[in-house]
C-alpha atoms as a PDB file:
ATOM      1  CA  UNK A   1      66.190  65.983 155.962  1.00  0.00           C
ATOM      2  CA  UNK A   2      69.431  67.860 156.601  1.00  0.00           C
ATOM      3  CA  UNK A   3      70.131  68.095 152.869  1.00  0.00           C
ATOM      4  CA  UNK A   4      66.679  69.503 152.179  1.00  0.00           C
ATOM      5  CA  UNK A   5      67.020  72.141 154.910  1.00  0.00           C
ATOM      6  CA  UNK A   6      70.408  73.144 153.548  1.00  0.00           C
ATOM      7  CA  UNK A   7      68.992  73.401 150.020  1.00  0.00           C
ATOM      8  CA  UNK A   8      66.104  75.598 151.198  1.00  0.00           C
ATOM      9  CA  UNK A   9      68.503  77.829 153.133  1.00  0.00           C
ATOM     10  CA  UNK A  10      70.806  78.179 150.125  1.00  0.00           C
ATOM     11  CA  UNK A  11      67.923  79.042 147.801  1.00  0.00           C
ATOM     12  CA  UNK A  12      66.553  81.609 150.246  1.00  0.00           C
ATOM     13  CA  UNK A  13      69.956  83.249 150.572  1.00  0.00           C
ATOM     14  CA  UNK A  14      70.600  83.242 146.825  1.00  0.00           C
ATOM     15  CA  UNK A  15      67.213  84.736 146.006  1.00  0.00           C
ATOM     16  CA  UNK A  16      67.388  87.371 148.763  1.00  0.00           C
ATOM     17  CA  UNK A  17      70.867  88.670 147.907  1.00  0.00           C
ATOM     18  CA  UNK A  18      69.890  90.487 144.662  1.00  0.00           C
ATOM     19  CA  UNK A  19      66.833  91.990 146.337  1.00  0.00           C
ATOM     20  CA  UNK A  20      68.896  93.341 149.215  1.00  0.00           C
ATOM     21  CA  UNK A  21      71.670  94.683 146.982  1.00  0.00           C
ATOM     22  CA  UNK A  22      69.569  96.180 144.186  1.00  0.00           C
ATOM     23  CA  UNK A  23      67.463  98.862 145.861  1.00  0.00           C
ATOM     24  CA  UNK A  24      70.436 100.334 147.695  1.00  0.00           C
ATOM     25  CA  UNK A  25      72.734 100.703 144.695  1.00  0.00           C
ATOM     26  CA  UNK A  26      72.916 103.951 142.758  1.00  0.00           C
ATOM     27  CA  UNK A  27      75.292 103.376 139.827  1.00  0.00           C
ATOM     28  CA  UNK A  28      73.855 106.177 137.659  1.00  0.00           C
ATOM     29  CA  UNK A  29      74.109 108.686 140.472  1.00  0.00           C
ATOM     30  CA  UNK A  30      77.624 107.508 141.312  1.00  0.00           C
ATOM     31  CA  UNK A  31      78.704 108.004 137.673  1.00  0.00           C
ATOM     32  CA  UNK A  32      77.252 111.525 137.633  1.00  0.00           C
ATOM     33  CA  UNK A  33      79.032 112.393 140.869  1.00  0.00           C
ATOM     34  CA  UNK A  34      82.303 111.138 139.407  1.00  0.00           C
ATOM     35  CA  UNK A  35      81.857 113.135 136.174  1.00  0.00           C
ATOM     36  CA  UNK A  36      81.062 116.283 138.121  1.00  0.00           C
ATOM     37  CA  UNK A  37      84.171 115.807 140.273  1.00  0.00           C
ATOM     38  CA  UNK A  38      86.198 115.475 137.065  1.00  0.00           C
ATOM     39  CA  UNK A  39      84.630 118.670 135.674  1.00  0.00           C
ATOM     40  CA  UNK A  40      85.631 120.559 138.815  1.00  0.00           C
ATOM     41  CA  UNK A  41      89.202 119.215 138.624  1.00  0.00           C
ATOM     42  CA  UNK A  42      89.394 120.120 134.925  1.00  0.00           C
ATOM     43  CA  UNK A  43      88.291 123.649 135.807  1.00  0.00           C
ATOM     44  CA  UNK A  44      91.004 123.907 138.449  1.00  0.00           C
ATOM     45  CA  UNK A  45      93.672 122.602 136.044  1.00  0.00           C
ATOM     46  CA  UNK A  46      92.623 124.941 133.250  1.00  0.00           C
ATOM     47  CA  UNK A  47      92.334 127.948 135.523  1.00  0.00           C
ATOM     48  CA  UNK A  48      88.614 128.410 134.788  1.00  0.00           C
ATOM     49  CA  UNK A  49      87.861 127.959 138.504  1.00  0.00           C
ATOM     50  CA  UNK A  50      89.398 129.978 141.272  1.00  0.00           C
ATOM     51  CA  UNK A  51      90.419 128.098 144.425  1.00  0.00           C
ATOM     52  CA  UNK A  52      87.457 129.612 146.257  1.00  0.00           C
ATOM     53  CA  UNK A  53      84.997 128.548 143.529  1.00  0.00           C
ATOM     54  CA  UNK A  54      86.458 125.047 143.487  1.00  0.00           C
ATOM     55  CA  UNK A  55      86.172 124.756 147.273  1.00  0.00           C
ATOM     56  CA  UNK A  56      82.543 125.867 147.143  1.00  0.00           C
ATOM     57  CA  UNK A  57      81.719 123.341 144.409  1.00  0.00           C
ATOM     58  CA  UNK A  58      83.573 120.543 146.239  1.00  0.00           C
ATOM     59  CA  UNK A  59      81.587 121.308 149.402  1.00  0.00           C
ATOM     60  CA  UNK A  60      78.363 121.063 147.414  1.00  0.00           C
ATOM     61  CA  UNK A  61      79.448 117.666 146.058  1.00  0.00           C
ATOM     62  CA  UNK A  62      80.297 116.508 149.590  1.00  0.00           C
ATOM     63  CA  UNK A  63      76.817 117.490 150.796  1.00  0.00           C
ATOM     64  CA  UNK A  64      75.250 115.466 147.984  1.00  0.00           C
ATOM     65  CA  UNK A  65      77.411 112.428 148.831  1.00  0.00           C
ATOM     66  CA  UNK A  66      76.475 112.719 152.517  1.00  0.00           C
ATOM     67  CA  UNK A  67      72.800 112.954 151.594  1.00  0.00           C
ATOM     68  CA  UNK A  68      73.140 109.864 149.407  1.00  0.00           C
ATOM     69  CA  UNK A  69      74.786 107.932 152.246  1.00  0.00           C
ATOM     70  CA  UNK A  70      71.990 108.949 154.604  1.00  0.00           C
ATOM     71  CA  UNK A  71      69.423 107.736 152.067  1.00  0.00           C
ATOM     72  CA  UNK A  72      71.257 104.410 151.748  1.00  0.00           C
ATOM     73  CA  UNK A  73      71.402 103.936 155.525  1.00  0.00           C
ATOM     74  CA  UNK A  74      67.995 102.263 155.749  1.00  0.00           C
ATOM     75  CA  UNK A  75      68.910  99.780 153.014  1.00  0.00           C
ATOM     76  CA  UNK A  76      66.650 101.141 150.274  1.00  0.00           C
ATOM     77  CA  UNK A  77      66.972 104.176 148.037  1.00  0.00           C
ATOM     78  CA  UNK A  78      63.416 104.868 146.932  1.00  0.00           C
ATOM     79  CA  UNK A  79      62.364 106.306 143.592  1.00  0.00           C
ATOM     80  CA  UNK A  80      61.603 109.630 145.282  1.00  0.00           C
ATOM     81  CA  UNK A  81      65.033 109.713 146.913  1.00  0.00           C
ATOM     82  CA  UNK A  82      66.678 108.987 143.564  1.00  0.00           C
ATOM     83  CA  UNK A  83      64.720 111.844 141.983  1.00  0.00           C
ATOM     84  CA  UNK A  84      65.812 114.148 144.807  1.00  0.00           C
ATOM     85  CA  UNK A  85      69.461 113.195 144.283  1.00  0.00           C
ATOM     86  CA  UNK A  86      69.119 113.752 140.527  1.00  0.00           C
ATOM     87  CA  UNK A  87      67.612 117.194 141.200  1.00  0.00           C
ATOM     88  CA  UNK A  88      70.522 118.034 143.506  1.00  0.00           C
ATOM     89  CA  UNK A  89      73.004 116.840 140.871  1.00  0.00           C
ATOM     90  CA  UNK A  90      71.250 118.882 138.171  1.00  0.00           C
ATOM     91  CA  UNK A  91      71.527 121.996 140.329  1.00  0.00           C
ATOM     92  CA  UNK A  92      75.167 121.235 141.080  1.00  0.00           C
ATOM     93  CA  UNK A  93      75.894 120.732 137.383  1.00  0.00           C
ATOM     94  CA  UNK A  94      74.460 124.165 136.613  1.00  0.00           C
ATOM     95  CA  UNK A  95      76.608 125.673 139.381  1.00  0.00           C
ATOM     96  CA  UNK A  96      79.729 124.049 137.935  1.00  0.00           C
ATOM     97  CA  UNK A  97      78.959 125.342 134.439  1.00  0.00           C
ATOM     98  CA  UNK A  98      78.177 128.821 135.713  1.00  0.00           C
ATOM     99  CA  UNK A  99      81.393 129.048 137.750  1.00  0.00           C
ATOM    100  CA  UNK A 100      83.574 127.653 134.965  1.00  0.00           C
ATOM    101  CA  UNK A 101      82.260 130.198 132.455  1.00  0.00           C
ATOM    102  CA  UNK A 102      81.992 133.325 134.575  1.00  0.00           C
ATOM    103  CA  UNK A 103      85.192 134.882 133.199  1.00  0.00           C
ATOM    104  CA  UNK A 104      86.952 134.618 136.551  1.00  0.00           C
ATOM    105  CA  UNK A 105      90.240 132.814 136.702  1.00  0.00           C
ATOM    106  CA  UNK A 106      93.352 132.411 138.697  1.00  0.00           C
END
């Protein structure tokens, strides 16, 4: 009896782990955030972004990360929340491009 209970408990844990981990992970969003951070740093290194522009873009990225963490807090990032994060990242990407190519520099 003890062996059977242990087996059932192990199977329940093993089958629940992927379900609990999956909906809260956002690997595509995390990659985009990383690439956008790299684009900002490249702009700073090349002189395409002024310190003020870089600070503004970094603050925008921080707001997106905070929003993502808030969405993850309940354990599930829904499809709608993912779309909202993608929209925010699209807007941020446009801001980065605009600031890097606005003919301002250090």
